[in-house]
PDB file of N, CA and C in Angstrom:
ATOM      1  N   MET A   1      92.338 148.096-141.786  1.00  0.00           N
ATOM      2  CA  MET A   1      92.303 148.408-140.379  1.00  0.00           C
ATOM      3  C   MET A   1      90.864 148.291-139.884  1.00  0.00           C
ATOM      4  N   ALA A   2      90.688 147.699-138.701  1.00  0.00           N
ATOM      5  CA  ALA A   2      89.355 147.549-138.113  1.00  0.00           C
ATOM      6  C   ALA A   2      88.842 148.902-137.632  1.00  0.00           C
ATOM      7  N   LYS A   3      87.554 149.096-137.791  1.00  0.00           N
ATOM      8  CA  LYS A   3      86.942 150.347-137.340  1.00  0.00           C
ATOM      9  C   LYS A   3      86.695 150.299-135.836  1.00  0.00           C
ATOM     10  N   ILE A   4      86.785 151.447-135.209  1.00  0.00           N
ATOM     11  CA  ILE A   4      86.444 151.597-133.799  1.00  0.00           C
ATOM     12  C   ILE A   4      84.932 151.494-133.677  1.00  0.00           C
ATOM     13  N   ARG A   5      84.454 150.695-132.727  1.00  0.00           N
ATOM     14  CA  ARG A   5      83.015 150.576-132.474  1.00  0.00           C
ATOM     15  C   ARG A   5      82.643 151.664-131.473  1.00  0.00           C
ATOM     16  N   ALA A   6      81.814 152.609-131.902  1.00  0.00           N
ATOM     17  CA  ALA A   6      81.506 153.783-131.090  1.00  0.00           C
ATOM     18  C   ALA A   6      80.026 153.864-130.748  1.00  0.00           C
ATOM     19  N   GLY A   7      79.755 154.417-129.574  1.00  0.00           N
ATOM     20  CA  GLY A   7      78.396 154.712-129.147  1.00  0.00           C
ATOM     21  C   GLY A   7      78.209 156.218-129.105  1.00  0.00           C
ATOM     22  N   VAL A   8      76.959 156.647-129.261  1.00  0.00           N
ATOM     23  CA  VAL A   8      76.635 158.070-129.265  1.00  0.00           C
ATOM     24  C   VAL A   8      75.542 158.318-128.234  1.00  0.00           C
ATOM     25  N   LEU A   9      75.697 159.386-127.451  1.00  0.00           N
ATOM     26  CA  LEU A   9      74.687 159.788-126.472  1.00  0.00           C
ATOM     27  C   LEU A   9      73.852 160.920-127.056  1.00  0.00           C
ATOM     28  N   ILE A  10      72.518 160.810-126.948  1.00  0.00           N
ATOM     29  CA  ILE A  10      71.630 161.859-127.441  1.00  0.00           C
ATOM     30  C   ILE A  10      70.544 162.126-126.403  1.00  0.00           C
ATOM     31  N   SER A  11      69.864 163.279-126.566  1.00  0.00           N
ATOM     32  CA  SER A  11      68.711 163.561-125.716  1.00  0.00           C
ATOM     33  C   SER A  11      67.523 164.051-126.533  1.00  0.00           C
ATOM     34  N   GLY A  12      67.722 164.224-127.814  1.00  0.00           N
ATOM     35  CA  GLY A  12      66.639 164.748-128.653  1.00  0.00           C
ATOM     36  C   GLY A  12      66.732 164.262-130.083  1.00  0.00           C
ATOM     37  N   ARG A  13      66.803 165.224-131.026  1.00  0.00           N
ATOM     38  CA  ARG A  13      66.824 164.886-132.452  1.00  0.00           C
ATOM     39  C   ARG A  13      68.087 164.165-132.880  1.00  0.00           C
ATOM     40  N   GLY A  14      69.169 164.392-132.171  1.00  0.00           N
ATOM     41  CA  GLY A  14      70.415 163.714-132.516  1.00  0.00           C
ATOM     42  C   GLY A  14      71.082 164.265-133.760  1.00  0.00           C
ATOM     43  N   SER A  15      71.094 165.589-133.912  1.00  0.00           N
ATOM     44  CA  SER A  15      71.673 166.173-135.128  1.00  0.00           C
ATOM     45  C   SER A  15      73.159 165.836-135.268  1.00  0.00           C
ATOM     46  N   ASN A  16      73.904 165.850-134.177  1.00  0.00           N
ATOM     47  CA  ASN A  16      75.320 165.467-134.257  1.00  0.00           C
ATOM     48  C   ASN A  16      75.459 163.977-134.552  1.00  0.00           C
ATOM     49  N   MET A  17      74.572 163.157-133.972  1.00  0.00           N
ATOM     50  CA  MET A  17      74.578 161.726-134.244  1.00  0.00           C
ATOM     51  C   MET A  17      74.351 161.466-135.724  1.00  0.00           C
ATOM     52  N   LYS A  18      73.408 162.186-136.330  1.00  0.00           N
ATOM     53  CA  LYS A  18      73.119 162.010-137.757  1.00  0.00           C
ATOM     54  C   LYS A  18      74.357 162.303-138.594  1.00  0.00           C
ATOM     55  N   ALA A  19      75.098 163.341-138.218  1.00  0.00           N
ATOM     56  CA  ALA A  19      76.323 163.679-138.945  1.00  0.00           C
ATOM     57  C   ALA A  19      77.365 162.573-138.785  1.00  0.00           C
ATOM     58  N   LEU A  20      77.463 162.007-137.589  1.00  0.00           N
ATOM     59  CA  LEU A  20      78.415 160.917-137.362  1.00  0.00           C
ATOM     60  C   LEU A  20      78.030 159.668-138.151  1.00  0.00           C
ATOM     61  N   ILE A  21      76.734 159.364-138.198  1.00  0.00           N
ATOM     62  CA  ILE A  21      76.272 158.202-138.964  1.00  0.00           C
ATOM     63  C   ILE A  21      76.582 158.397-140.441  1.00  0.00           C
ATOM     64  N   ALA A  22      76.339 159.600-140.946  1.00  0.00           N
ATOM     65  CA  ALA A  22      76.635 159.888-142.356  1.00  0.00           C
ATOM     66  C   ALA A  22      78.133 159.761-142.625  1.00  0.00           C
ATOM     67  N   ALA A  23      78.948 160.291-141.722  1.00  0.00           N
ATOM     68  CA  ALA A  23      80.401 160.212-141.900  1.00  0.00           C
ATOM     69  C   ALA A  23      80.875 158.763-141.871  1.00  0.00           C
ATOM     70  N   ALA A  24      80.267 157.955-140.996  1.00  0.00           N
ATOM     71  CA  ALA A  24      80.683 156.560-140.840  1.00  0.00           C
ATOM     72  C   ALA A  24      80.357 155.711-142.065  1.00  0.00           C
ATOM     73  N   GLU A  25      79.527 156.220-142.962  1.00  0.00           N
ATOM     74  CA  GLU A  25      79.233 155.490-144.202  1.00  0.00           C
ATOM     75  C   GLU A  25      80.421 155.496-145.161  1.00  0.00           C
ATOM     76  N   ASP A  26      81.350 156.419-144.956  1.00  0.00           N
ATOM     77  CA  ASP A  26      82.568 156.482-145.768  1.00  0.00           C
ATOM     78  C   ASP A  26      83.519 155.380-145.286  1.00  0.00           C
ATOM     79  N   PRO A  27      83.949 154.496-146.165  1.00  0.00           N
ATOM     80  CA  PRO A  27      84.844 153.403-145.750  1.00  0.00           C
ATOM     81  C   PRO A  27      86.138 153.890-145.097  1.00  0.00           C
ATOM     82  N   ARG A  28      86.547 155.119-145.372  1.00  0.00           N
ATOM     83  CA  ARG A  28      87.783 155.655-144.790  1.00  0.00           C
ATOM     84  C   ARG A  28      87.576 156.194-143.376  1.00  0.00           C
ATOM     85  N   TYR A  29      86.321 156.371-142.952  1.00  0.00           N
ATOM     86  CA  TYR A  29      86.035 156.887-141.610  1.00  0.00           C
ATOM     87  C   TYR A  29      86.467 155.840-140.582  1.00  0.00           C
ATOM     88  N   PRO A  30      87.155 156.243-139.513  1.00  0.00           N
ATOM     89  CA  PRO A  30      87.748 155.258-138.608  1.00  0.00           C
ATOM     90  C   PRO A  30      86.798 154.595-137.612  1.00  0.00           C
ATOM     91  N   ALA A  31      85.524 154.985-137.605  1.00  0.00           N
ATOM     92  CA  ALA A  31      84.603 154.432-136.607  1.00  0.00           C
ATOM     93  C   ALA A  31      83.309 153.948-137.242  1.00  0.00           C
ATOM     94  N   ALA A  32      82.674 153.007-136.549  1.00  0.00           N
ATOM     95  CA  ALA A  32      81.334 152.540-136.910  1.00  0.00           C
ATOM     96  C   ALA A  32      80.428 152.850-135.725  1.00  0.00           C
ATOM     97  N   ILE A  33      79.310 153.499-135.961  1.00  0.00           N
ATOM     98  CA  ILE A  33      78.371 153.810-134.889  1.00  0.00           C
ATOM     99  C   ILE A  33      77.531 152.552-134.655  1.00  0.00           C
ATOM    100  N   VAL A  34      77.678 151.949-133.482  1.00  0.00           N
ATOM    101  CA  VAL A  34      77.018 150.671-133.211  1.00  0.00           C
ATOM    102  C   VAL A  34      75.953 150.764-132.118  1.00  0.00           C
ATOM    103  N   LEU A  35      75.886 151.899-131.417  1.00  0.00           N
ATOM    104  CA  LEU A  35      74.922 152.050-130.331  1.00  0.00           C
ATOM    105  C   LEU A  35      74.578 153.518-130.146  1.00  0.00           C
ATOM    106  N   VAL A  36      73.298 153.788-129.910  1.00  0.00           N
ATOM    107  CA  VAL A  36      72.843 155.134-129.560  1.00  0.00           C
ATOM    108  C   VAL A  36      72.091 155.021-128.241  1.00  0.00           C
ATOM    109  N   VAL A  37      72.476 155.846-127.267  1.00  0.00           N
ATOM    110  CA  VAL A  37      71.861 155.844-125.941  1.00  0.00           C
ATOM    111  C   VAL A  37      71.229 157.202-125.697  1.00  0.00           C
ATOM    112  N   SER A  38      70.004 157.179-125.156  1.00  0.00           N
ATOM    113  CA  SER A  38      69.299 158.421-124.839  1.00  0.00           C
ATOM    114  C   SER A  38      68.740 158.355-123.429  1.00  0.00           C
ATOM    115  N   ASN A  39      68.583 159.526-122.817  1.00  0.00           N
ATOM    116  CA  ASN A  39      67.925 159.598-121.518  1.00  0.00           C
ATOM    117  C   ASN A  39      66.432 159.872-121.681  1.00  0.00           C
ATOM    118  N   THR A  40      65.962 159.949-122.930  1.00  0.00           N
ATOM    119  CA  THR A  40      64.565 160.250-123.230  1.00  0.00           C
ATOM    120  C   THR A  40      64.027 159.209-124.208  1.00  0.00           C
ATOM    121  N   ALA A  41      63.036 158.441-123.780  1.00  0.00           N
ATOM    122  CA  ALA A  41      62.491 157.373-124.623  1.00  0.00           C
ATOM    123  C   ALA A  41      61.861 157.903-125.908  1.00  0.00           C
ATOM    124  N   GLU A  42      61.364 159.135-125.876  1.00  0.00           N
ATOM    125  CA  GLU A  42      60.697 159.714-127.045  1.00  0.00           C
ATOM    126  C   GLU A  42      61.645 160.488-127.960  1.00  0.00           C
ATOM    127  N   ALA A  43      62.935 160.422-127.711  1.00  0.00           N
ATOM    128  CA  ALA A  43      63.900 161.168-128.525  1.00  0.00           C
ATOM    129  C   ALA A  43      63.793 160.742-129.989  1.00  0.00           C
ATOM    130  N   PRO A  44      63.503 161.687-130.894  1.00  0.00           N
ATOM    131  CA  PRO A  44      63.378 161.342-132.314  1.00  0.00           C
ATOM    132  C   PRO A  44      64.638 160.701-132.899  1.00  0.00           C
ATOM    133  N   GLY A  45      65.780 161.008-132.350  1.00  0.00           N
ATOM    134  CA  GLY A  45      67.021 160.434-132.848  1.00  0.00           C
ATOM    135  C   GLY A  45      67.078 158.922-132.708  1.00  0.00           C
ATOM    136  N   LEU A  46      66.347 158.364-131.748  1.00  0.00           N
ATOM    137  CA  LEU A  46      66.330 156.911-131.570  1.00  0.00           C
ATOM    138  C   LEU A  46      65.714 156.221-132.780  1.00  0.00           C
ATOM    139  N   ALA A  47      64.624 156.776-133.296  1.00  0.00           N
ATOM    140  CA  ALA A  47      63.979 156.194-134.484  1.00  0.00           C
ATOM    141  C   ALA A  47      64.914 156.267-135.685  1.00  0.00           C
ATOM    142  N   PHE A  48      65.644 157.367-135.807  1.00  0.00           N
ATOM    143  CA  PHE A  48      66.597 157.521-136.906  1.00  0.00           C
ATOM    144  C   PHE A  48      67.676 156.441-136.811  1.00  0.00           C
ATOM    145  N   ALA A  49      68.199 156.247-135.607  1.00  0.00           N
ATOM    146  CA  ALA A  49      69.241 155.234-135.413  1.00  0.00           C
ATOM    147  C   ALA A  49      68.711 153.841-135.750  1.00  0.00           C
ATOM    148  N   LYS A  50      67.520 153.522-135.250  1.00  0.00           N
ATOM    149  CA  LYS A  50      66.925 152.207-135.531  1.00  0.00           C
ATOM    150  C   LYS A  50      66.737 152.007-137.031  1.00  0.00           C
ATOM    151  N   ALA A  51      66.316 153.058-137.725  1.00  0.00           N
ATOM    152  CA  ALA A  51      66.110 152.971-139.175  1.00  0.00           C
ATOM    153  C   ALA A  51      67.413 152.694-139.913  1.00  0.00           C
ATOM    154  N   HIS A  52      68.539 153.010-139.281  1.00  0.00           N
ATOM    155  CA  HIS A  52      69.845 152.761-139.881  1.00  0.00           C
ATOM    156  C   HIS A  52      70.490 151.486-139.331  1.00  0.00           C
ATOM    157  N   GLY A  53      69.692 150.672-138.642  1.00  0.00           N
ATOM    158  CA  GLY A  53      70.194 149.394-138.152  1.00  0.00           C
ATOM    159  C   GLY A  53      71.115 149.492-136.957  1.00  0.00           C
ATOM    160  N   ILE A  54      71.020 150.582-136.224  1.00  0.00           N
ATOM    161  CA  ILE A  54      71.893 150.802-135.072  1.00  0.00           C
ATOM    162  C   ILE A  54      71.109 150.489-133.798  1.00  0.00           C
ATOM    163  N   ALA A  55      71.719 149.738-132.904  1.00  0.00           N
ATOM    164  CA  ALA A  55      71.085 149.392-131.633  1.00  0.00           C
ATOM    165  C   ALA A  55      70.852 150.649-130.804  1.00  0.00           C
ATOM    166  N   THR A  56      69.751 150.656-130.050  1.00  0.00           N
ATOM    167  CA  THR A  56      69.429 151.800-129.195  1.00  0.00           C
ATOM    168  C   THR A  56      69.144 151.331-127.779  1.00  0.00           C
ATOM    169  N   GLU A  57      69.321 152.246-126.848  1.00  0.00           N
ATOM    170  CA  GLU A  57      69.051 151.967-125.439  1.00  0.00           C
ATOM    171  C   GLU A  57      68.596 153.266-124.786  1.00  0.00           C
ATOM    172  N   VAL A  58      67.676 153.155-123.834  1.00  0.00           N
ATOM    173  CA  VAL A  58      67.214 154.320-123.075  1.00  0.00           C
ATOM    174  C   VAL A  58      67.572 154.099-121.616  1.00  0.00           C
ATOM    175  N   ILE A  59      68.207 155.101-121.017  1.00  0.00           N
ATOM    176  CA  ILE A  59      68.499 155.100-119.587  1.00  0.00           C
ATOM    177  C   ILE A  59      67.822 156.344-119.024  1.00  0.00           C
ATOM    178  N   ASP A  60      66.700 156.151-118.346  1.00  0.00           N
ATOM    179  CA  ASP A  60      65.889 157.262-117.841  1.00  0.00           C
ATOM    180  C   ASP A  60      66.576 157.922-116.653  1.00  0.00           C
ATOM    181  N   HIS A  61      66.991 159.158-116.834  1.00  0.00           N
ATOM    182  CA  HIS A  61      67.695 159.875-115.776  1.00  0.00           C
ATOM    183  C   HIS A  61      66.806 160.149-114.562  1.00  0.00           C
ATOM    184  N   LEU A  62      65.492 160.111-114.731  1.00  0.00           N
ATOM    185  CA  LEU A  62      64.580 160.371-113.614  1.00  0.00           C
ATOM    186  C   LEU A  62      64.540 159.215-112.613  1.00  0.00           C
ATOM    187  N   ARG A  63      65.092 158.080-112.980  1.00  0.00           N
ATOM    188  CA  ARG A  63      65.128 156.929-112.076  1.00  0.00           C
ATOM    189  C   ARG A  63      66.307 156.993-111.111  1.00  0.00           C
ATOM    190  N   PHE A  64      67.112 158.034-111.213  1.00  0.00           N
ATOM    191  CA  PHE A  64      68.277 158.191-110.357  1.00  0.00           C
ATOM    192  C   PHE A  64      68.022 159.294-109.335  1.00  0.00           C
ATOM    193  N   ALA A  65      68.666 159.202-108.196  1.00  0.00           N
ATOM    194  CA  ALA A  65      68.468 160.172-107.116  1.00  0.00           C
ATOM    195  C   ALA A  65      68.937 161.574-107.494  1.00  0.00           C
ATOM    196  N   SER A  66      69.935 161.658-108.356  1.00  0.00           N
ATOM    197  CA  SER A  66      70.473 162.961-108.756  1.00  0.00           C
ATOM    198  C   SER A  66      71.130 162.836-110.124  1.00  0.00           C
ATOM    199  N   ARG A  67      71.456 163.981-110.716  1.00  0.00           N
ATOM    200  CA  ARG A  67      72.166 163.966-112.000  1.00  0.00           C
ATOM    201  C   ARG A  67      73.542 163.326-111.833  1.00  0.00           C
ATOM    202  N   ASP A  68      74.168 163.569-110.686  1.00  0.00           N
ATOM    203  CA  ASP A  68      75.477 162.959-110.441  1.00  0.00           C
ATOM    204  C   ASP A  68      75.372 161.440-110.380  1.00  0.00           C
ATOM    205  N   ALA A  69      74.303 160.941-109.767  1.00  0.00           N
ATOM    206  CA  ALA A  69      74.106 159.491-109.688  1.00  0.00           C
ATOM    207  C   ALA A  69      73.841 158.903-111.068  1.00  0.00           C
ATOM    208  N   PHE A  70      73.197 159.689-111.919  1.00  0.00           N
ATOM    209  CA  PHE A  70      72.906 159.261-113.284  1.00  0.00           C
ATOM    210  C   PHE A  70      74.191 159.089-114.045  1.00  0.00           C
TER     211      PHE A  70
END
């Protein structure tokens, strides 16, 4: 069965993301973490994701008029 391609949203260390990445290393886990998105360019979790070969993206929430617009 093909794995679900999943993205993870983080704003800091990404402790939940790290757990998901570890779980996804099990061949029986139904998802592959393929993208990590953060609203903070300096989020330490981004470096962790990159070190594991996972694509990263930053969307700066301060560039939006409001949190709702973000």
